[in-house]
Every structure is written in structure tokens, then in C-alpha cells.
């Protein structure tokens, strides 16, 4: 716990955490878990939405190679 308390009060680490929080807010993170696939936010957080997004990304990759 001593290390945790030390890190919790470290201004450098606090800046890193704040930067991460700001970046998350900027890209639409509202809670956890939040899933991004190739930089796109997964809106439908269930197995169907996950599978559909992966299939769409794979199709785009195949089309881009043609």
C-alpha cells in the first residue's frame, strides 16, 4: 500500500492519468469496458455487434488489398 499511496500523490503520474482521461473522453469513452476496433468505437456491446464489426473490418481489409 505504501507504493500505491506514493504513486497516488505523484504529480507526474497524476498528469499521465489526467491525459489518459482526457483522451478517453475525447474519443467517446463513457465507462468500462469500452471497445475500439481499428479506432472505431463498438456501439453495440454484445456478441452480435462485436462479430458484425469484426466482419466489416475484415471485409474492408480484403477490399483494400484488391
PDB file of N, CA and C in Angstrom:
ATOM      1  N   UNK A   1       0.810  -1.198   0.000  1.00  0.00           N
ATOM      2  CA  UNK A   1       0.000   0.000   0.000  1.00  0.00           C
ATOM      3  C   UNK A   1       0.854   1.264   0.000  1.00  0.00           C
ATOM      4  N   UNK A   2       2.033   1.168   0.549  1.00  0.00           N
ATOM      5  CA  UNK A   2       2.892   2.353   0.611  1.00  0.00           C
ATOM      6  C   UNK A   2       3.208   2.849  -0.792  1.00  0.00           C
ATOM      7  N   UNK A   3       3.500   1.922  -1.703  1.00  0.00           N
ATOM      8  CA  UNK A   3       3.819   2.312  -3.084  1.00  0.00           C
ATOM      9  C   UNK A   3       2.602   2.943  -3.748  1.00  0.00           C
ATOM     10  N   UNK A   4       1.424   2.376  -3.512  1.00  0.00           N
ATOM     11  CA  UNK A   4       0.194   2.927  -4.077  1.00  0.00           C
ATOM     12  C   UNK A   4      -0.016   4.356  -3.585  1.00  0.00           C
ATOM     13  N   UNK A   5       0.114   4.567  -2.287  1.00  0.00           N
ATOM     14  CA  UNK A   5      -0.060   5.909  -1.723  1.00  0.00           C
ATOM     15  C   UNK A   5       0.960   6.885  -2.291  1.00  0.00           C
ATOM     16  N   UNK A   6       2.185   6.422  -2.460  1.00  0.00           N
ATOM     17  CA  UNK A   6       3.237   7.269  -3.033  1.00  0.00           C
ATOM     18  C   UNK A   6       2.878   7.651  -4.470  1.00  0.00           C
ATOM     19  N   UNK A   7       2.488   6.659  -5.262  1.00  0.00           N
ATOM     20  CA  UNK A   7       2.133   6.925  -6.657  1.00  0.00           C
ATOM     21  C   UNK A   7       0.891   7.802  -6.765  1.00  0.00           C
ATOM     22  N   UNK A   8      -0.057   7.594  -5.867  1.00  0.00           N
ATOM     23  CA  UNK A   8      -1.297   8.369  -5.882  1.00  0.00           C
ATOM     24  C   UNK A   8      -1.026   9.860  -5.712  1.00  0.00           C
ATOM     25  N   UNK A   9       0.012  10.183  -4.982  1.00  0.00           N
ATOM     26  CA  UNK A   9       0.348  11.584  -4.717  1.00  0.00           C
ATOM     27  C   UNK A   9       1.456  12.123  -5.609  1.00  0.00           C
ATOM     28  N   UNK A  10       1.876  11.358  -6.597  1.00  0.00           N
ATOM     29  CA  UNK A  10       2.947  11.770  -7.504  1.00  0.00           C
ATOM     30  C   UNK A  10       2.367  12.665  -8.602  1.00  0.00           C
ATOM     31  N   UNK A  11       2.786  13.944  -8.673  1.00  0.00           N
ATOM     32  CA  UNK A  11       2.219  14.856  -9.672  1.00  0.00           C
ATOM     33  C   UNK A  11       2.498  14.427 -11.116  1.00  0.00           C
ATOM     34  N   UNK A  12       3.612  13.766 -11.361  1.00  0.00           N
ATOM     35  CA  UNK A  12       3.925  13.302 -12.719  1.00  0.00           C
ATOM     36  C   UNK A  12       2.934  12.219 -13.134  1.00  0.00           C
ATOM     37  N   UNK A  13       2.692  11.265 -12.253  1.00  0.00           N
ATOM     38  CA  UNK A  13       1.725  10.211 -12.564  1.00  0.00           C
ATOM     39  C   UNK A  13       0.316  10.780 -12.679  1.00  0.00           C
ATOM     40  N   UNK A  14       0.006  11.782 -11.879  1.00  0.00           N
ATOM     41  CA  UNK A  14      -1.308  12.414 -11.956  1.00  0.00           C
ATOM     42  C   UNK A  14      -1.512  13.062 -13.332  1.00  0.00           C
ATOM     43  N   UNK A  15      -0.454  13.649 -13.898  1.00  0.00           N
ATOM     44  CA  UNK A  15      -0.535  14.229 -15.243  1.00  0.00           C
ATOM     45  C   UNK A  15      -0.781  13.148 -16.290  1.00  0.00           C
ATOM     46  N   UNK A  16      -0.127  12.005 -16.145  1.00  0.00           N
ATOM     47  CA  UNK A  16      -0.318  10.892 -17.081  1.00  0.00           C
ATOM     48  C   UNK A  16      -1.765  10.401 -17.018  1.00  0.00           C
ATOM     49  N   UNK A  17      -2.273  10.240 -15.819  1.00  0.00           N
ATOM     50  CA  UNK A  17      -3.651   9.778 -15.639  1.00  0.00           C
ATOM     51  C   UNK A  17      -4.628  10.785 -16.223  1.00  0.00           C
ATOM     52  N   UNK A  18      -4.419  12.056 -15.953  1.00  0.00           N
ATOM     53  CA  UNK A  18      -5.317  13.088 -16.478  1.00  0.00           C
ATOM     54  C   UNK A  18      -5.290  13.134 -18.001  1.00  0.00           C
ATOM     55  N   UNK A  19      -4.118  12.948 -18.595  1.00  0.00           N
ATOM     56  CA  UNK A  19      -4.019  12.927 -20.059  1.00  0.00           C
ATOM     57  C   UNK A  19      -4.796  11.744 -20.620  1.00  0.00           C
ATOM     58  N   UNK A  20      -4.688  10.586 -19.981  1.00  0.00           N
ATOM     59  CA  UNK A  20      -5.446   9.411 -20.418  1.00  0.00           C
ATOM     60  C   UNK A  20      -6.949   9.647 -20.295  1.00  0.00           C
ATOM     61  N   UNK A  21      -7.370  10.249 -19.201  1.00  0.00           N
ATOM     62  CA  UNK A  21      -8.791  10.548 -19.010  1.00  0.00           C
ATOM     63  C   UNK A  21      -9.310  11.491 -20.089  1.00  0.00           C
ATOM     64  N   UNK A  22      -8.543  12.534 -20.382  1.00  0.00           N
ATOM     65  CA  UNK A  22      -8.954  13.491 -21.405  1.00  0.00           C
ATOM     66  C   UNK A  22      -9.043  12.838 -22.772  1.00  0.00           C
ATOM     67  N   UNK A  23      -8.074  11.996 -23.098  1.00  0.00           N
ATOM     68  CA  UNK A  23      -8.100  11.301 -24.389  1.00  0.00           C
ATOM     69  C   UNK A  23      -9.315  10.381 -24.475  1.00  0.00           C
ATOM     70  N   UNK A  24      -9.586   9.665 -23.414  1.00  0.00           N
ATOM     71  CA  UNK A  24     -10.750   8.785 -23.390  1.00  0.00           C
ATOM     72  C   UNK A  24     -12.045   9.552 -23.579  1.00  0.00           C
ATOM     73  N   UNK A  25     -12.190  10.666 -22.899  1.00  0.00           N
ATOM     74  CA  UNK A  25     -13.392  11.487 -23.043  1.00  0.00           C
ATOM     75  C   UNK A  25     -13.523  12.022 -24.458  1.00  0.00           C
ATOM     76  N   UNK A  26     -12.396  12.397 -25.056  1.00  0.00           N
ATOM     77  CA  UNK A  26     -12.400  12.956 -26.407  1.00  0.00           C
ATOM     78  C   UNK A  26     -12.898  11.941 -27.435  1.00  0.00           C
ATOM     79  N   UNK A  27     -12.552  10.664 -27.251  1.00  0.00           N
ATOM     80  CA  UNK A  27     -12.933   9.650 -28.239  1.00  0.00           C
ATOM     81  C   UNK A  27     -14.228   8.926 -27.889  1.00  0.00           C
ATOM     82  N   UNK A  28     -14.880   9.319 -26.809  1.00  0.00           N
ATOM     83  CA  UNK A  28     -16.198   8.777 -26.517  1.00  0.00           C
ATOM     84  C   UNK A  28     -16.276   7.703 -25.453  1.00  0.00           C
ATOM     85  N   UNK A  29     -15.221   7.518 -24.686  1.00  0.00           N
ATOM     86  CA  UNK A  29     -15.279   6.535 -23.605  1.00  0.00           C
ATOM     87  C   UNK A  29     -16.183   7.078 -22.507  1.00  0.00           C
ATOM     88  N   UNK A  30     -17.174   6.281 -22.147  1.00  0.00           N
ATOM     89  CA  UNK A  30     -18.119   6.689 -21.105  1.00  0.00           C
ATOM     90  C   UNK A  30     -18.034   5.776 -19.882  1.00  0.00           C
ATOM     91  N   UNK A  31     -17.324   4.671 -20.003  1.00  0.00           N
ATOM     92  CA  UNK A  31     -17.188   3.725 -18.901  1.00  0.00           C
ATOM     93  C   UNK A  31     -16.370   2.545 -19.354  1.00  0.00           C
ATOM     94  N   UNK A  32     -16.341   1.536 -18.519  1.00  0.00           N
ATOM     95  CA  UNK A  32     -15.604   0.331 -18.872  1.00  0.00           C
ATOM     96  C   UNK A  32     -16.531  -0.866 -18.809  1.00  0.00           C
ATOM     97  N   UNK A  33     -16.360  -1.815 -19.654  1.00  0.00           N
ATOM     98  CA  UNK A  33     -15.371  -1.820 -20.727  1.00  0.00           C
ATOM     99  C   UNK A  33     -15.842  -0.997 -21.919  1.00  0.00           C
ATOM    100  N   UNK A  34     -14.925  -0.379 -22.592  1.00  0.00           N
ATOM    101  CA  UNK A  34     -15.180   0.301 -23.858  1.00  0.00           C
ATOM    102  C   UNK A  34     -14.283  -0.359 -24.886  1.00  0.00           C
ATOM    103  N   UNK A  35     -14.857  -0.724 -26.022  1.00  0.00           N
ATOM    104  CA  UNK A  35     -14.107  -1.481 -27.020  1.00  0.00           C
ATOM    105  C   UNK A  35     -13.988  -0.674 -28.300  1.00  0.00           C
ATOM    106  N   UNK A  36     -12.748  -0.585 -28.799  1.00  0.00           N
ATOM    107  CA  UNK A  36     -12.470   0.021 -30.091  1.00  0.00           C
ATOM    108  C   UNK A  36     -11.881  -1.053 -30.987  1.00  0.00           C
ATOM    109  N   UNK A  37     -12.314  -1.073 -32.234  1.00  0.00           N
ATOM    110  CA  UNK A  37     -11.744  -1.975 -33.228  1.00  0.00           C
ATOM    111  C   UNK A  37     -11.246  -1.109 -34.367  1.00  0.00           C
ATOM    112  N   UNK A  38      -9.939  -1.127 -34.585  1.00  0.00           N
ATOM    113  CA  UNK A  38      -9.296  -0.273 -35.592  1.00  0.00           C
ATOM    114  C   UNK A  38      -9.704   1.189 -35.432  1.00  0.00           C
ATOM    115  N   UNK A  39      -9.744   1.647 -34.196  1.00  0.00           N
ATOM    116  CA  UNK A  39     -10.046   3.041 -33.915  1.00  0.00           C
ATOM    117  C   UNK A  39     -11.518   3.397 -33.938  1.00  0.00           C
ATOM    118  N   UNK A  40     -12.376   2.420 -34.164  1.00  0.00           N
ATOM    119  CA  UNK A  40     -13.823   2.677 -34.196  1.00  0.00           C
ATOM    120  C   UNK A  40     -14.463   2.153 -32.917  1.00  0.00           C
ATOM    121  N   UNK A  41     -15.302   2.992 -32.333  1.00  0.00           N
ATOM    122  CA  UNK A  41     -15.985   2.640 -31.098  1.00  0.00           C
ATOM    123  C   UNK A  41     -17.070   1.613 -31.371  1.00  0.00           C
ATOM    124  N   UNK A  42     -17.042   0.512 -30.637  1.00  0.00           N
ATOM    125  CA  UNK A  42     -18.080  -0.510 -30.745  1.00  0.00           C
ATOM    126  C   UNK A  42     -19.304  -0.017 -29.995  1.00  0.00           C
ATOM    127  N   UNK A  43     -20.382   0.269 -30.722  1.00  0.00           N
ATOM    128  CA  UNK A  43     -21.600   0.795 -30.116  1.00  0.00           C
ATOM    129  C   UNK A  43     -22.465  -0.315 -29.524  1.00  0.00           C
ATOM    130  N   UNK A  44     -22.600  -1.394 -30.264  1.00  0.00           N
ATOM    131  CA  UNK A  44     -23.474  -2.497 -29.864  1.00  0.00           C
ATOM    132  C   UNK A  44     -22.630  -3.503 -29.080  1.00  0.00           C
ATOM    133  N   UNK A  45     -22.620  -3.369 -27.768  1.00  0.00           N
ATOM    134  CA  UNK A  45     -21.711  -4.163 -26.939  1.00  0.00           C
ATOM    135  C   UNK A  45     -22.310  -5.516 -26.564  1.00  0.00           C
ATOM    136  N   UNK A  46     -22.501  -6.328 -27.578  1.00  0.00           N
ATOM    137  CA  UNK A  46     -22.904  -7.711 -27.366  1.00  0.00           C
ATOM    138  C   UNK A  46     -22.182  -8.554 -28.410  1.00  0.00           C
ATOM    139  N   UNK A  47     -22.339  -9.852 -28.334  1.00  0.00           N
ATOM    140  CA  UNK A  47     -21.585 -10.727 -29.226  1.00  0.00           C
ATOM    141  C   UNK A  47     -21.950 -10.489 -30.690  1.00  0.00           C
ATOM    142  N   UNK A  48     -23.206 -10.175 -30.962  1.00  0.00           N
ATOM    143  CA  UNK A  48     -23.631  -9.925 -32.344  1.00  0.00           C
ATOM    144  C   UNK A  48     -22.968  -8.670 -32.892  1.00  0.00           C
ATOM    145  N   UNK A  49     -23.010  -7.593 -32.133  1.00  0.00           N
ATOM    146  CA  UNK A  49     -22.383  -6.350 -32.570  1.00  0.00           C
ATOM    147  C   UNK A  49     -20.883  -6.496 -32.733  1.00  0.00           C
ATOM    148  N   UNK A  50     -20.277  -7.220 -31.823  1.00  0.00           N
ATOM    149  CA  UNK A  50     -18.837  -7.458 -31.875  1.00  0.00           C
ATOM    150  C   UNK A  50     -18.481  -8.231 -33.146  1.00  0.00           C
ATOM    151  N   UNK A  51     -19.220  -9.305 -33.414  1.00  0.00           N
ATOM    152  CA  UNK A  51     -18.960 -10.122 -34.606  1.00  0.00           C
ATOM    153  C   UNK A  51     -19.192  -9.323 -35.883  1.00  0.00           C
ATOM    154  N   UNK A  52     -20.261  -8.529 -35.922  1.00  0.00           N
ATOM    155  CA  UNK A  52     -20.561  -7.732 -37.114  1.00  0.00           C
ATOM    156  C   UNK A  52     -19.453  -6.724 -37.391  1.00  0.00           C
ATOM    157  N   UNK A  53     -18.959  -6.094 -36.358  1.00  0.00           N
ATOM    158  CA  UNK A  53     -17.917  -5.094 -36.556  1.00  0.00           C
ATOM    159  C   UNK A  53     -16.618  -5.750 -37.023  1.00  0.00           C
ATOM    160  N   UNK A  54     -16.283  -6.878 -36.454  1.00  0.00           N
ATOM    161  CA  UNK A  54     -15.074  -7.585 -36.888  1.00  0.00           C
ATOM    162  C   UNK A  54     -15.212  -8.022 -38.339  1.00  0.00           C
ATOM    163  N   UNK A  55     -16.365  -8.570 -38.711  1.00  0.00           N
ATOM    164  CA  UNK A  55     -16.585  -8.992 -40.098  1.00  0.00           C
ATOM    165  C   UNK A  55     -16.477  -7.804 -41.050  1.00  0.00           C
ATOM    166  N   UNK A  56     -17.040  -6.662 -40.670  1.00  0.00           N
ATOM    167  CA  UNK A  56     -16.969  -5.466 -41.511  1.00  0.00           C
ATOM    168  C   UNK A  56     -15.519  -5.004 -41.670  1.00  0.00           C
ATOM    169  N   UNK A  57     -14.762  -5.028 -40.585  1.00  0.00           N
ATOM    170  CA  UNK A  57     -13.355  -4.628 -40.654  1.00  0.00           C
ATOM    171  C   UNK A  57     -12.558  -5.581 -41.538  1.00  0.00           C
ATOM    172  N   UNK A  58     -12.810  -6.877 -41.401  1.00  0.00           N
ATOM    173  CA  UNK A  58     -12.112  -7.854 -42.235  1.00  0.00           C
ATOM    174  C   UNK A  58     -12.456  -7.656 -43.707  1.00  0.00           C
ATOM    175  N   UNK A  59     -13.724  -7.386 -44.003  1.00  0.00           N
ATOM    176  CA  UNK A  59     -14.142  -7.153 -45.387  1.00  0.00           C
ATOM    177  C   UNK A  59     -13.446  -5.923 -45.959  1.00  0.00           C
ATOM    178  N   UNK A  60     -13.313  -4.875 -45.153  1.00  0.00           N
ATOM    179  CA  UNK A  60     -12.613  -3.673 -45.610  1.00  0.00           C
ATOM    180  C   UNK A  60     -11.144  -3.974 -45.895  1.00  0.00           C
ATOM    181  N   UNK A  61     -10.523  -4.779 -45.063  1.00  0.00           N
ATOM    182  CA  UNK A  61      -9.121  -5.142 -45.276  1.00  0.00           C
ATOM    183  C   UNK A  61      -8.945  -5.924 -46.574  1.00  0.00           C
ATOM    184  N   UNK A  62      -9.853  -6.849 -46.837  1.00  0.00           N
ATOM    185  CA  UNK A  62      -9.792  -7.642 -48.070  1.00  0.00           C
ATOM    186  C   UNK A  62      -9.995  -6.737 -49.277  1.00  0.00           C
ATOM    187  N   UNK A  63     -10.989  -5.843 -49.209  1.00  0.00           N
ATOM    188  CA  UNK A  63     -11.273  -4.935 -50.324  1.00  0.00           C
ATOM    189  C   UNK A  63     -10.093  -3.999 -50.587  1.00  0.00           C
ATOM    190  N   UNK A  64      -9.419  -3.568 -49.538  1.00  0.00           N
ATOM    191  CA  UNK A  64      -8.288  -2.649 -49.691  1.00  0.00           C
ATOM    192  C   UNK A  64      -7.093  -3.316 -50.370  1.00  0.00           C
ATOM    193  N   UNK A  65      -6.991  -4.627 -50.260  1.00  0.00           N
ATOM    194  CA  UNK A  65      -5.866  -5.348 -50.860  1.00  0.00           C
ATOM    195  C   UNK A  65      -6.088  -5.651 -52.331  1.00  0.00           C
ATOM    196  N   UNK A  66      -7.287  -5.423 -52.822  1.00  0.00           N
ATOM    197  CA  UNK A  66      -7.572  -5.721 -54.236  1.00  0.00           C
ATOM    198  C   UNK A  66      -7.111  -4.615 -55.124  1.00  0.00           C
TER     199      UNK A  66
END
